[in-house]
Structure formats: C-alpha cells, structure tokens
N, C-alpha and C. Protein backbone atom coordinates (compact mmCIF):
# COMPACT_ATOMS: atom_id res chain seq x y z
N MET A 1 -1.06 18.53 11.42
CA MET A 1 -1.33 17.11 11.23
C MET A 1 -1.35 16.44 12.60
N PRO A 2 -2.31 15.53 12.88
CA PRO A 2 -2.39 14.93 14.18
C PRO A 2 -1.14 14.14 14.53
N GLN A 3 -0.86 14.07 15.82
CA GLN A 3 0.31 13.34 16.30
C GLN A 3 0.31 11.90 15.82
N ALA A 4 -0.88 11.30 15.79
CA ALA A 4 -0.97 9.88 15.44
C ALA A 4 -0.57 9.60 14.00
N SER A 5 -0.54 10.62 13.14
CA SER A 5 -0.22 10.39 11.73
C SER A 5 1.24 10.72 11.43
N HIS A 6 2.10 10.61 12.46
CA HIS A 6 3.49 11.03 12.29
C HIS A 6 4.21 10.27 11.20
N TYR A 7 3.77 9.05 10.86
CA TYR A 7 4.46 8.28 9.83
C TYR A 7 4.17 8.82 8.44
N PHE A 8 3.10 9.62 8.27
CA PHE A 8 2.80 10.21 6.96
C PHE A 8 3.42 11.60 6.91
N THR A 9 4.72 11.62 6.71
CA THR A 9 5.46 12.88 6.72
C THR A 9 6.72 12.72 5.89
N PRO A 10 7.13 13.80 5.19
CA PRO A 10 8.38 13.73 4.43
C PRO A 10 9.62 13.85 5.31
N GLN A 11 9.42 14.11 6.60
CA GLN A 11 10.54 14.23 7.51
C GLN A 11 10.84 12.88 8.16
N ALA A 12 12.02 12.38 7.94
CA ALA A 12 12.39 11.10 8.54
C ALA A 12 12.65 11.28 10.02
N PRO A 13 12.14 10.36 10.87
CA PRO A 13 12.47 10.43 12.28
C PRO A 13 13.93 10.08 12.50
N ALA A 14 14.44 10.41 13.66
CA ALA A 14 15.82 10.04 13.98
C ALA A 14 15.98 8.53 13.83
N ARG A 15 17.11 8.13 13.30
CA ARG A 15 17.32 6.70 13.06
C ARG A 15 17.26 5.94 14.38
N ALA A 16 16.46 4.90 14.39
CA ALA A 16 16.29 4.10 15.60
C ALA A 16 16.65 2.66 15.29
N ALA A 17 16.86 1.90 16.34
CA ALA A 17 17.20 0.49 16.18
C ALA A 17 16.06 -0.24 15.47
N THR A 18 16.41 -1.06 14.50
CA THR A 18 15.41 -1.83 13.79
C THR A 18 15.19 -3.16 14.49
N ARG A 19 14.06 -3.78 14.18
CA ARG A 19 13.80 -5.14 14.62
C ARG A 19 13.36 -5.92 13.40
N THR A 20 13.57 -7.21 13.39
CA THR A 20 13.17 -8.05 12.28
C THR A 20 12.02 -8.94 12.72
N VAL A 21 10.94 -8.92 11.93
CA VAL A 21 9.80 -9.78 12.21
C VAL A 21 9.67 -10.77 11.06
N GLU A 22 9.29 -11.98 11.38
CA GLU A 22 9.06 -13.01 10.38
C GLU A 22 7.57 -13.25 10.28
N LEU A 23 7.04 -13.18 9.07
CA LEU A 23 5.60 -13.27 8.87
C LEU A 23 5.29 -14.23 7.73
N ARG A 24 4.12 -14.85 7.84
CA ARG A 24 3.64 -15.71 6.75
C ARG A 24 2.44 -15.02 6.12
N LEU A 25 2.57 -14.63 4.86
CA LEU A 25 1.53 -13.92 4.14
C LEU A 25 1.36 -14.55 2.77
N ARG A 26 0.12 -14.84 2.39
CA ARG A 26 -0.16 -15.47 1.09
C ARG A 26 0.70 -16.71 0.88
N ASP A 27 0.83 -17.50 1.95
CA ASP A 27 1.61 -18.74 1.91
C ASP A 27 3.08 -18.52 1.59
N ARG A 28 3.57 -17.34 1.92
CA ARG A 28 4.99 -17.04 1.76
C ARG A 28 5.57 -16.66 3.12
N ALA A 29 6.70 -17.25 3.48
CA ALA A 29 7.40 -16.87 4.70
C ALA A 29 8.34 -15.73 4.34
N LEU A 30 8.11 -14.57 4.93
CA LEU A 30 8.87 -13.37 4.58
C LEU A 30 9.40 -12.71 5.84
N ARG A 31 10.48 -11.96 5.69
CA ARG A 31 11.09 -11.25 6.82
C ARG A 31 11.07 -9.75 6.54
N PHE A 32 10.79 -8.98 7.59
CA PHE A 32 10.71 -7.54 7.46
C PHE A 32 11.46 -6.86 8.59
N ARG A 33 12.27 -5.87 8.23
CA ARG A 33 12.86 -5.00 9.24
C ARG A 33 11.92 -3.82 9.45
N THR A 34 11.63 -3.52 10.70
CA THR A 34 10.75 -2.39 11.02
C THR A 34 11.45 -1.52 12.07
N ALA A 35 10.87 -0.35 12.32
CA ALA A 35 11.46 0.58 13.28
C ALA A 35 10.40 1.57 13.73
N PRO A 36 10.62 2.25 14.85
CA PRO A 36 9.71 3.33 15.24
C PRO A 36 9.61 4.37 14.12
N GLY A 37 8.41 4.97 14.01
CA GLY A 37 8.23 6.00 13.00
C GLY A 37 7.63 5.50 11.71
N VAL A 38 7.30 4.18 11.64
CA VAL A 38 6.60 3.65 10.47
C VAL A 38 5.35 2.93 10.95
N PHE A 39 4.37 2.83 10.06
CA PHE A 39 3.08 2.26 10.41
C PHE A 39 3.18 0.76 10.69
N ALA A 40 2.48 0.32 11.74
CA ALA A 40 2.35 -1.11 12.08
C ALA A 40 3.72 -1.78 12.19
N ARG A 41 4.59 -1.19 13.01
CA ARG A 41 5.97 -1.69 13.07
C ARG A 41 6.11 -3.02 13.79
N SER A 42 5.13 -3.39 14.61
CA SER A 42 5.25 -4.63 15.38
C SER A 42 4.82 -5.86 14.58
N SER A 43 3.84 -5.67 13.70
CA SER A 43 3.35 -6.77 12.87
C SER A 43 2.50 -6.18 11.76
N VAL A 44 2.23 -6.96 10.75
CA VAL A 44 1.37 -6.49 9.67
C VAL A 44 -0.05 -6.37 10.22
N ASP A 45 -0.67 -5.22 10.02
CA ASP A 45 -1.99 -4.96 10.60
C ASP A 45 -3.08 -5.78 9.90
N ARG A 46 -4.23 -5.90 10.57
CA ARG A 46 -5.32 -6.74 10.07
C ARG A 46 -5.85 -6.23 8.73
N GLY A 47 -5.88 -4.91 8.54
CA GLY A 47 -6.36 -4.37 7.28
C GLY A 47 -5.48 -4.78 6.11
N THR A 48 -4.17 -4.69 6.30
CA THR A 48 -3.24 -5.10 5.25
C THR A 48 -3.39 -6.58 4.94
N ARG A 49 -3.52 -7.39 5.98
CA ARG A 49 -3.70 -8.84 5.77
C ARG A 49 -4.97 -9.12 4.97
N LEU A 50 -6.06 -8.42 5.33
CA LEU A 50 -7.33 -8.63 4.64
C LEU A 50 -7.21 -8.23 3.18
N LEU A 51 -6.56 -7.10 2.90
CA LEU A 51 -6.38 -6.67 1.52
C LEU A 51 -5.57 -7.69 0.73
N LEU A 52 -4.50 -8.18 1.33
CA LEU A 52 -3.65 -9.14 0.63
C LEU A 52 -4.40 -10.44 0.35
N GLU A 53 -5.28 -10.84 1.25
CA GLU A 53 -6.07 -12.05 1.01
C GLU A 53 -7.10 -11.83 -0.10
N ALA A 54 -7.64 -10.59 -0.18
CA ALA A 54 -8.72 -10.31 -1.13
C ALA A 54 -8.23 -9.96 -2.53
N ALA A 55 -7.05 -9.40 -2.63
CA ALA A 55 -6.57 -8.87 -3.92
C ALA A 55 -6.29 -9.99 -4.92
N ASP A 56 -6.80 -9.82 -6.11
CA ASP A 56 -6.51 -10.74 -7.21
C ASP A 56 -5.27 -10.21 -7.93
N LEU A 57 -4.14 -10.85 -7.68
CA LEU A 57 -2.87 -10.39 -8.25
C LEU A 57 -2.57 -11.01 -9.60
N GLY A 58 -3.36 -12.00 -9.98
CA GLY A 58 -3.08 -12.74 -11.20
C GLY A 58 -3.11 -11.88 -12.44
N GLY A 59 -2.15 -12.06 -13.31
CA GLY A 59 -2.11 -11.36 -14.59
C GLY A 59 -1.50 -9.98 -14.55
N ALA A 60 -1.26 -9.44 -13.36
CA ALA A 60 -0.68 -8.09 -13.27
C ALA A 60 0.79 -8.12 -13.67
N ARG A 61 1.17 -7.16 -14.50
CA ARG A 61 2.57 -7.05 -14.93
C ARG A 61 3.28 -5.89 -14.25
N ARG A 62 2.51 -4.88 -13.87
CA ARG A 62 3.07 -3.73 -13.14
C ARG A 62 2.16 -3.43 -11.96
N ILE A 63 2.75 -3.42 -10.77
CA ILE A 63 1.99 -3.25 -9.54
C ILE A 63 2.60 -2.10 -8.74
N LEU A 64 1.73 -1.26 -8.17
CA LEU A 64 2.17 -0.15 -7.34
C LEU A 64 1.66 -0.36 -5.92
N ASP A 65 2.56 -0.28 -4.94
CA ASP A 65 2.20 -0.25 -3.52
C ASP A 65 2.28 1.21 -3.11
N LEU A 66 1.12 1.85 -2.99
CA LEU A 66 1.03 3.28 -2.71
C LEU A 66 0.98 3.52 -1.20
N GLY A 67 2.00 4.24 -0.68
CA GLY A 67 2.11 4.42 0.77
C GLY A 67 2.60 3.14 1.40
N CYS A 68 3.74 2.67 0.96
CA CYS A 68 4.18 1.29 1.23
C CYS A 68 4.62 1.02 2.65
N GLY A 69 4.93 2.06 3.44
CA GLY A 69 5.50 1.78 4.75
C GLY A 69 6.79 0.99 4.58
N TYR A 70 6.97 -0.03 5.40
CA TYR A 70 8.19 -0.83 5.27
C TYR A 70 8.09 -1.90 4.19
N GLY A 71 6.97 -1.91 3.45
CA GLY A 71 6.92 -2.68 2.21
C GLY A 71 6.14 -3.96 2.20
N ALA A 72 5.30 -4.22 3.21
CA ALA A 72 4.64 -5.52 3.31
C ALA A 72 3.85 -5.88 2.05
N MET A 73 2.97 -4.99 1.60
CA MET A 73 2.09 -5.34 0.48
C MET A 73 2.87 -5.51 -0.82
N GLY A 74 3.75 -4.57 -1.11
CA GLY A 74 4.51 -4.66 -2.34
C GLY A 74 5.44 -5.87 -2.38
N ILE A 75 6.01 -6.20 -1.24
CA ILE A 75 6.92 -7.33 -1.18
C ILE A 75 6.16 -8.64 -1.33
N VAL A 76 4.99 -8.75 -0.72
CA VAL A 76 4.16 -9.94 -0.92
C VAL A 76 3.79 -10.06 -2.40
N ALA A 77 3.36 -8.95 -3.00
CA ALA A 77 3.00 -8.98 -4.42
C ALA A 77 4.17 -9.42 -5.29
N ALA A 78 5.36 -8.91 -5.00
CA ALA A 78 6.54 -9.28 -5.78
C ALA A 78 6.88 -10.76 -5.62
N ALA A 79 6.65 -11.29 -4.42
CA ALA A 79 6.94 -12.71 -4.16
C ALA A 79 5.90 -13.61 -4.83
N VAL A 80 4.63 -13.19 -4.81
CA VAL A 80 3.54 -14.01 -5.36
C VAL A 80 3.51 -13.95 -6.88
N VAL A 81 3.88 -12.80 -7.45
CA VAL A 81 3.83 -12.62 -8.91
C VAL A 81 5.24 -12.26 -9.39
N PRO A 82 6.14 -13.24 -9.47
CA PRO A 82 7.52 -12.92 -9.81
C PRO A 82 7.72 -12.34 -11.20
N GLN A 83 6.75 -12.52 -12.09
CA GLN A 83 6.87 -11.96 -13.44
C GLN A 83 6.47 -10.49 -13.48
N ALA A 84 5.91 -9.97 -12.40
CA ALA A 84 5.48 -8.57 -12.35
C ALA A 84 6.63 -7.67 -11.89
N ARG A 85 6.56 -6.41 -12.31
CA ARG A 85 7.46 -5.38 -11.79
C ARG A 85 6.67 -4.60 -10.74
N VAL A 86 7.20 -4.51 -9.53
CA VAL A 86 6.50 -3.89 -8.42
C VAL A 86 7.26 -2.65 -7.95
N VAL A 87 6.56 -1.53 -7.85
CA VAL A 87 7.15 -0.29 -7.36
C VAL A 87 6.46 0.07 -6.05
N LEU A 88 7.26 0.34 -5.02
CA LEU A 88 6.75 0.74 -3.71
C LEU A 88 7.09 2.21 -3.50
N VAL A 89 6.11 3.01 -3.09
CA VAL A 89 6.37 4.43 -2.87
C VAL A 89 5.83 4.86 -1.51
N ASP A 90 6.51 5.82 -0.91
CA ASP A 90 6.06 6.38 0.37
C ASP A 90 6.66 7.77 0.52
N ILE A 91 5.94 8.62 1.26
CA ILE A 91 6.42 9.97 1.52
C ILE A 91 7.49 10.00 2.60
N ASN A 92 7.54 8.96 3.43
CA ASN A 92 8.42 8.90 4.60
C ASN A 92 9.77 8.27 4.22
N PRO A 93 10.86 9.03 4.24
CA PRO A 93 12.16 8.48 3.84
C PRO A 93 12.59 7.26 4.67
N ARG A 94 12.24 7.25 5.94
CA ARG A 94 12.60 6.10 6.78
C ARG A 94 11.87 4.85 6.32
N ALA A 95 10.60 5.01 5.99
CA ALA A 95 9.83 3.87 5.49
C ALA A 95 10.42 3.34 4.19
N VAL A 96 10.79 4.25 3.29
CA VAL A 96 11.36 3.82 2.01
C VAL A 96 12.69 3.11 2.22
N ALA A 97 13.52 3.61 3.13
CA ALA A 97 14.79 2.94 3.42
C ALA A 97 14.55 1.53 3.93
N LEU A 98 13.56 1.37 4.80
CA LEU A 98 13.23 0.03 5.31
C LEU A 98 12.68 -0.86 4.19
N ALA A 99 11.83 -0.29 3.32
CA ALA A 99 11.30 -1.07 2.21
C ALA A 99 12.44 -1.56 1.31
N GLN A 100 13.42 -0.69 1.06
CA GLN A 100 14.57 -1.10 0.24
C GLN A 100 15.34 -2.24 0.93
N GLU A 101 15.53 -2.12 2.24
CA GLU A 101 16.20 -3.19 2.99
C GLU A 101 15.41 -4.49 2.89
N ASN A 102 14.09 -4.38 2.99
CA ASN A 102 13.26 -5.58 3.00
C ASN A 102 13.17 -6.25 1.63
N ILE A 103 13.24 -5.46 0.57
CA ILE A 103 13.32 -6.03 -0.77
C ILE A 103 14.58 -6.87 -0.89
N ALA A 104 15.70 -6.32 -0.40
CA ALA A 104 16.97 -7.06 -0.44
C ALA A 104 16.94 -8.26 0.49
N LEU A 105 16.36 -8.08 1.68
CA LEU A 105 16.30 -9.15 2.68
C LEU A 105 15.55 -10.36 2.13
N ASN A 106 14.52 -10.11 1.33
CA ASN A 106 13.73 -11.20 0.76
C ASN A 106 14.16 -11.60 -0.64
N ARG A 107 15.28 -11.03 -1.08
CA ARG A 107 15.93 -11.40 -2.34
C ARG A 107 14.99 -11.30 -3.53
N LEU A 108 14.35 -10.15 -3.64
CA LEU A 108 13.41 -9.91 -4.73
C LEU A 108 14.05 -9.01 -5.78
N ALA A 109 14.19 -9.53 -6.98
CA ALA A 109 14.80 -8.76 -8.05
C ALA A 109 13.79 -7.95 -8.85
N ASN A 110 12.50 -8.15 -8.57
CA ASN A 110 11.45 -7.52 -9.37
C ASN A 110 10.74 -6.39 -8.64
N ALA A 111 11.38 -5.83 -7.61
CA ALA A 111 10.75 -4.75 -6.85
C ALA A 111 11.76 -3.64 -6.58
N GLU A 112 11.24 -2.42 -6.43
CA GLU A 112 12.06 -1.28 -6.06
C GLU A 112 11.22 -0.32 -5.22
N ALA A 113 11.88 0.48 -4.39
CA ALA A 113 11.19 1.46 -3.54
C ALA A 113 11.67 2.86 -3.88
N ARG A 114 10.72 3.81 -3.95
CA ARG A 114 11.02 5.20 -4.27
C ARG A 114 10.35 6.11 -3.25
N CYS A 115 10.98 7.25 -3.00
CA CYS A 115 10.47 8.19 -2.00
C CYS A 115 9.80 9.38 -2.67
N GLY A 116 8.62 9.77 -2.16
CA GLY A 116 7.94 10.95 -2.66
C GLY A 116 6.48 10.95 -2.24
N ASP A 117 5.80 12.06 -2.47
CA ASP A 117 4.42 12.23 -2.06
C ASP A 117 3.47 11.63 -3.08
N GLY A 118 2.62 10.73 -2.62
CA GLY A 118 1.62 10.13 -3.49
C GLY A 118 2.24 9.44 -4.68
N CYS A 119 1.67 9.69 -5.86
CA CYS A 119 2.15 9.05 -7.08
C CYS A 119 3.22 9.85 -7.81
N ALA A 120 3.73 10.92 -7.18
CA ALA A 120 4.77 11.72 -7.82
C ALA A 120 6.00 10.88 -8.23
N PRO A 121 6.44 9.91 -7.43
CA PRO A 121 7.62 9.14 -7.83
C PRO A 121 7.40 8.26 -9.06
N VAL A 122 6.13 8.06 -9.47
CA VAL A 122 5.85 7.23 -10.65
C VAL A 122 5.13 8.05 -11.72
N ALA A 123 5.33 9.35 -11.72
CA ALA A 123 4.67 10.23 -12.69
C ALA A 123 4.93 9.75 -14.11
N GLY A 124 3.88 9.64 -14.90
CA GLY A 124 4.00 9.22 -16.29
C GLY A 124 3.98 7.72 -16.49
N GLU A 125 3.98 6.94 -15.42
CA GLU A 125 3.95 5.48 -15.52
C GLU A 125 2.53 4.98 -15.31
N GLN A 126 2.24 3.79 -15.84
CA GLN A 126 0.93 3.19 -15.67
C GLN A 126 1.07 1.80 -15.08
N PHE A 127 0.04 1.41 -14.32
CA PHE A 127 0.08 0.15 -13.60
C PHE A 127 -1.20 -0.65 -13.83
N ASP A 128 -1.07 -1.96 -13.74
CA ASP A 128 -2.22 -2.84 -13.82
C ASP A 128 -2.97 -2.90 -12.49
N LEU A 129 -2.23 -2.67 -11.41
CA LEU A 129 -2.78 -2.88 -10.08
C LEU A 129 -2.16 -1.90 -9.10
N VAL A 130 -2.99 -1.30 -8.25
CA VAL A 130 -2.51 -0.46 -7.15
C VAL A 130 -3.04 -1.03 -5.85
N LEU A 131 -2.16 -1.20 -4.87
CA LEU A 131 -2.52 -1.66 -3.53
C LEU A 131 -2.38 -0.47 -2.58
N PHE A 132 -3.42 -0.21 -1.77
CA PHE A 132 -3.44 1.03 -1.01
C PHE A 132 -4.09 0.83 0.36
N ASN A 133 -3.28 0.95 1.41
CA ASN A 133 -3.78 1.02 2.79
C ASN A 133 -3.53 2.47 3.22
N PRO A 134 -4.55 3.33 3.14
CA PRO A 134 -4.32 4.78 3.22
C PRO A 134 -4.02 5.28 4.63
N PRO A 135 -3.38 6.44 4.71
CA PRO A 135 -3.09 7.08 6.00
C PRO A 135 -4.33 7.82 6.50
N ILE A 136 -5.31 7.09 7.01
CA ILE A 136 -6.59 7.66 7.39
C ILE A 136 -6.43 8.85 8.33
N ARG A 137 -5.49 8.76 9.28
CA ARG A 137 -5.34 9.83 10.26
C ARG A 137 -4.74 11.10 9.67
N ALA A 138 -4.26 11.02 8.45
CA ALA A 138 -3.78 12.24 7.78
C ALA A 138 -4.93 13.10 7.30
N GLY A 139 -6.15 12.54 7.32
CA GLY A 139 -7.32 13.31 6.93
C GLY A 139 -7.94 12.84 5.64
N ARG A 140 -9.27 13.01 5.54
CA ARG A 140 -10.00 12.52 4.37
C ARG A 140 -9.54 13.19 3.09
N ASN A 141 -9.20 14.48 3.13
CA ASN A 141 -8.77 15.15 1.91
C ASN A 141 -7.51 14.53 1.34
N VAL A 142 -6.58 14.15 2.22
CA VAL A 142 -5.36 13.48 1.77
C VAL A 142 -5.70 12.14 1.14
N VAL A 143 -6.57 11.37 1.80
CA VAL A 143 -6.93 10.05 1.27
C VAL A 143 -7.62 10.18 -0.08
N LEU A 144 -8.55 11.12 -0.22
CA LEU A 144 -9.25 11.30 -1.49
C LEU A 144 -8.29 11.74 -2.59
N ARG A 145 -7.34 12.60 -2.24
CA ARG A 145 -6.33 13.00 -3.23
C ARG A 145 -5.54 11.80 -3.73
N LEU A 146 -5.13 10.95 -2.79
CA LEU A 146 -4.34 9.78 -3.17
C LEU A 146 -5.16 8.78 -3.98
N LEU A 147 -6.45 8.64 -3.66
CA LEU A 147 -7.31 7.78 -4.46
C LEU A 147 -7.40 8.29 -5.90
N GLY A 148 -7.49 9.61 -6.05
CA GLY A 148 -7.52 10.20 -7.39
C GLY A 148 -6.22 10.01 -8.14
N GLU A 149 -5.10 10.17 -7.44
CA GLU A 149 -3.80 9.97 -8.08
C GLU A 149 -3.63 8.52 -8.50
N ALA A 150 -4.11 7.60 -7.66
CA ALA A 150 -4.00 6.18 -8.01
C ALA A 150 -4.79 5.89 -9.29
N HIS A 151 -5.97 6.47 -9.40
CA HIS A 151 -6.79 6.28 -10.61
C HIS A 151 -6.03 6.76 -11.85
N ALA A 152 -5.38 7.90 -11.71
CA ALA A 152 -4.68 8.49 -12.86
C ALA A 152 -3.51 7.64 -13.34
N CYS A 153 -2.93 6.85 -12.46
CA CYS A 153 -1.77 6.04 -12.89
C CYS A 153 -2.15 4.59 -13.21
N LEU A 154 -3.44 4.28 -13.19
CA LEU A 154 -3.89 2.96 -13.64
C LEU A 154 -4.05 2.95 -15.15
N ARG A 155 -3.67 1.89 -15.79
CA ARG A 155 -3.95 1.73 -17.21
C ARG A 155 -5.44 1.43 -17.37
N PRO A 156 -6.02 1.62 -18.57
CA PRO A 156 -7.40 1.21 -18.78
C PRO A 156 -7.59 -0.27 -18.43
N GLY A 157 -8.60 -0.54 -17.62
CA GLY A 157 -8.82 -1.90 -17.15
C GLY A 157 -8.08 -2.23 -15.87
N GLY A 158 -7.24 -1.30 -15.42
CA GLY A 158 -6.48 -1.53 -14.19
C GLY A 158 -7.37 -1.44 -12.96
N ARG A 159 -6.87 -2.00 -11.84
CA ARG A 159 -7.67 -2.08 -10.62
C ARG A 159 -6.91 -1.54 -9.42
N LEU A 160 -7.66 -0.93 -8.52
CA LEU A 160 -7.15 -0.48 -7.22
C LEU A 160 -7.79 -1.33 -6.13
N TYR A 161 -6.98 -1.78 -5.17
CA TYR A 161 -7.51 -2.40 -3.95
C TYR A 161 -7.19 -1.47 -2.79
N PHE A 162 -8.21 -1.17 -2.02
CA PHE A 162 -8.14 -0.16 -0.97
C PHE A 162 -8.80 -0.72 0.29
N VAL A 163 -8.18 -0.51 1.46
CA VAL A 163 -8.73 -1.02 2.72
C VAL A 163 -8.85 0.12 3.73
N ALA A 164 -9.90 0.06 4.54
CA ALA A 164 -10.07 1.03 5.62
C ALA A 164 -10.95 0.42 6.70
N ARG A 165 -10.83 0.96 7.90
CA ARG A 165 -11.70 0.53 9.00
C ARG A 165 -13.13 1.00 8.74
N THR A 166 -14.08 0.13 9.05
CA THR A 166 -15.48 0.49 8.91
C THR A 166 -15.79 1.72 9.76
N GLN A 167 -15.29 1.76 10.98
CA GLN A 167 -15.58 2.88 11.89
C GLN A 167 -14.83 4.16 11.52
N GLN A 168 -13.92 4.08 10.58
CA GLN A 168 -13.21 5.28 10.13
C GLN A 168 -13.65 5.71 8.73
N GLY A 169 -14.88 5.34 8.38
CA GLY A 169 -15.46 5.86 7.15
C GLY A 169 -15.22 5.04 5.90
N ALA A 170 -14.98 3.74 6.04
CA ALA A 170 -14.69 2.92 4.86
C ALA A 170 -15.81 2.97 3.84
N ARG A 171 -17.06 2.85 4.30
CA ARG A 171 -18.18 2.84 3.35
C ARG A 171 -18.33 4.18 2.64
N THR A 172 -18.11 5.27 3.37
CA THR A 172 -18.18 6.60 2.74
C THR A 172 -17.09 6.75 1.69
N LEU A 173 -15.88 6.31 2.02
CA LEU A 173 -14.79 6.39 1.06
C LEU A 173 -15.08 5.51 -0.16
N GLY A 174 -15.68 4.34 0.08
CA GLY A 174 -16.06 3.48 -1.04
C GLY A 174 -17.04 4.17 -1.97
N ARG A 175 -18.02 4.88 -1.39
CA ARG A 175 -18.97 5.63 -2.21
C ARG A 175 -18.27 6.75 -2.97
N ARG A 176 -17.35 7.44 -2.31
CA ARG A 176 -16.62 8.53 -2.97
C ARG A 176 -15.77 8.01 -4.13
N MET A 177 -15.27 6.79 -4.00
CA MET A 177 -14.51 6.19 -5.10
C MET A 177 -15.36 6.12 -6.36
N GLY A 178 -16.68 5.91 -6.18
CA GLY A 178 -17.57 5.80 -7.32
C GLY A 178 -17.64 7.05 -8.17
N GLU A 179 -17.16 8.19 -7.63
CA GLU A 179 -17.14 9.43 -8.40
C GLU A 179 -16.02 9.43 -9.45
N THR A 180 -15.03 8.56 -9.24
CA THR A 180 -13.87 8.53 -10.13
C THR A 180 -13.73 7.20 -10.86
N TYR A 181 -13.95 6.12 -10.14
CA TYR A 181 -13.74 4.79 -10.69
C TYR A 181 -15.02 4.29 -11.37
N ALA A 182 -14.85 3.61 -12.50
CA ALA A 182 -16.01 3.18 -13.29
C ALA A 182 -16.83 2.15 -12.54
N GLU A 183 -16.19 1.30 -11.79
CA GLU A 183 -16.88 0.24 -11.06
C GLU A 183 -16.21 0.07 -9.71
N VAL A 184 -16.99 0.10 -8.66
CA VAL A 184 -16.48 -0.08 -7.30
C VAL A 184 -17.30 -1.16 -6.61
N ARG A 185 -16.60 -2.10 -5.98
CA ARG A 185 -17.33 -3.11 -5.23
C ARG A 185 -16.54 -3.49 -3.98
N GLU A 186 -17.29 -3.85 -2.95
CA GLU A 186 -16.66 -4.34 -1.73
C GLU A 186 -16.33 -5.81 -1.93
N VAL A 187 -15.07 -6.18 -1.72
CA VAL A 187 -14.64 -7.54 -2.01
C VAL A 187 -14.31 -8.34 -0.76
N ALA A 188 -14.19 -7.68 0.39
CA ALA A 188 -13.90 -8.41 1.63
C ALA A 188 -14.24 -7.53 2.82
N ARG A 189 -14.58 -8.18 3.93
CA ARG A 189 -14.74 -7.46 5.19
C ARG A 189 -14.39 -8.42 6.33
N GLY A 190 -13.92 -7.86 7.42
CA GLY A 190 -13.58 -8.68 8.57
C GLY A 190 -12.69 -7.92 9.53
N GLY A 191 -12.82 -8.22 10.82
CA GLY A 191 -11.99 -7.60 11.83
C GLY A 191 -12.15 -6.09 11.91
N GLY A 192 -13.34 -5.60 11.49
CA GLY A 192 -13.56 -4.16 11.52
C GLY A 192 -13.07 -3.42 10.29
N PHE A 193 -12.62 -4.14 9.26
CA PHE A 193 -12.10 -3.54 8.02
C PHE A 193 -12.95 -3.94 6.83
N ARG A 194 -12.89 -3.13 5.78
CA ARG A 194 -13.52 -3.44 4.50
C ARG A 194 -12.51 -3.17 3.39
N VAL A 195 -12.55 -4.03 2.39
CA VAL A 195 -11.68 -3.89 1.21
C VAL A 195 -12.56 -3.62 0.00
N PHE A 196 -12.19 -2.58 -0.76
CA PHE A 196 -12.91 -2.23 -1.98
C PHE A 196 -11.99 -2.39 -3.18
N GLU A 197 -12.59 -2.77 -4.28
CA GLU A 197 -11.91 -2.84 -5.57
C GLU A 197 -12.52 -1.79 -6.49
N GLY A 198 -11.67 -0.96 -7.07
CA GLY A 198 -12.12 0.03 -8.05
C GLY A 198 -11.46 -0.24 -9.38
N CYS A 199 -12.22 -0.15 -10.45
CA CYS A 199 -11.68 -0.40 -11.79
C CYS A 199 -11.70 0.86 -12.63
N ARG A 200 -10.70 1.02 -13.45
CA ARG A 200 -10.65 2.12 -14.39
C ARG A 200 -11.03 1.63 -15.78
N VAL A 201 -11.93 2.35 -16.43
CA VAL A 201 -12.33 1.98 -17.80
C VAL A 201 -11.18 2.22 -18.75
C-alpha cells in the first residue's frame, strides 16, 4: 500500500499529541480533536466540505459515515439531523478513537463510532443515507469494493453521497457506480472535486 495511504490501515499509529480545531460546517460550530495518522488532520478538506454542502440529509433516520476518519461528516450529520441515528466506521483504530472523542466533545447522543473494515462493523444493518469520502490512494479496487458494500447496506430508496477529485478519476468512479446503483447523478462540483449521489431501488 502506498505510503500516502497510511491512514487506511487497521494498524493504529503510535499515540501522538492531539490538537483541537474549531470549524463551522452546515451552520454549526463544531470542535474536533485530530492527530497525525488520520486524514486531513489540520482542517476539514475541500471534498468533505463540498459533500456536506451537497448532501440532502432531510428525512434520514439512519446515517452511515463510511471511512469516518476523526468523524467530521458523521458528526455534522448528527448535529444537523438530531432525530437520526448516525454510525461512524473506520478501519483505523486511531481514527475511531478520535471520532468517539469528538462525538463526546460535541455532546451528541445520537452518534457512535465503530472500528472495522468497510461495512463489516454494521453487517446486517440498513441505512437511509451513506456519506463516503473514499481512500483514493488505497487504490481503485478498494474504493469500488467499498462502494459495493455501501450499496448493500442501503435500504431500498436509500442514497449514497460520494466525493472524489476530478483528477483522481471521479468521473470514472461515477460511471462505475452506475453498474450497481439504480440512478447516479453528479450533484456538485468545485475546487477540483465532484460529488455524486447514487440511489438504491
């Protein structure tokens, strides 16, 4: 696995000093503890911001943040839709520990973080909505596997929101989604990123 994809690993890095960043997302002021060894530790990346702006969270009762990192997307979803139950999952134990800290830091009673590969931690569960900023540097096969797993855990009528850099194959991945998802459309673009929505029949 390439060096740059070190955060997509079941091996936790040595515990390092955390830092707390304060961010405003979806008109919510939120605080996040981050650390070396997790994705976008200095600030929420542009792709995640674009996805959060584009995603229609309304009406969702169960939301999955797939590959949550330190929890930005899932925590925003839990804050914006307090009636929803939000599950955050990641393969990286350090990321999951930070996500758990950040759920507590933002006093969210409707979210939880679990550790495991892909959708294994939510096996047998179904969701109305999946939010996914994939580990592109882990390789296309990994991303396609995770897109397939996300489809399998969506309820009929459920939706996936997925973001990727245009220069890292976003349009190709969007087309590949069409092999599994009944309807795929691009819902946002900007800053070199594209957001796609896929629906399950």
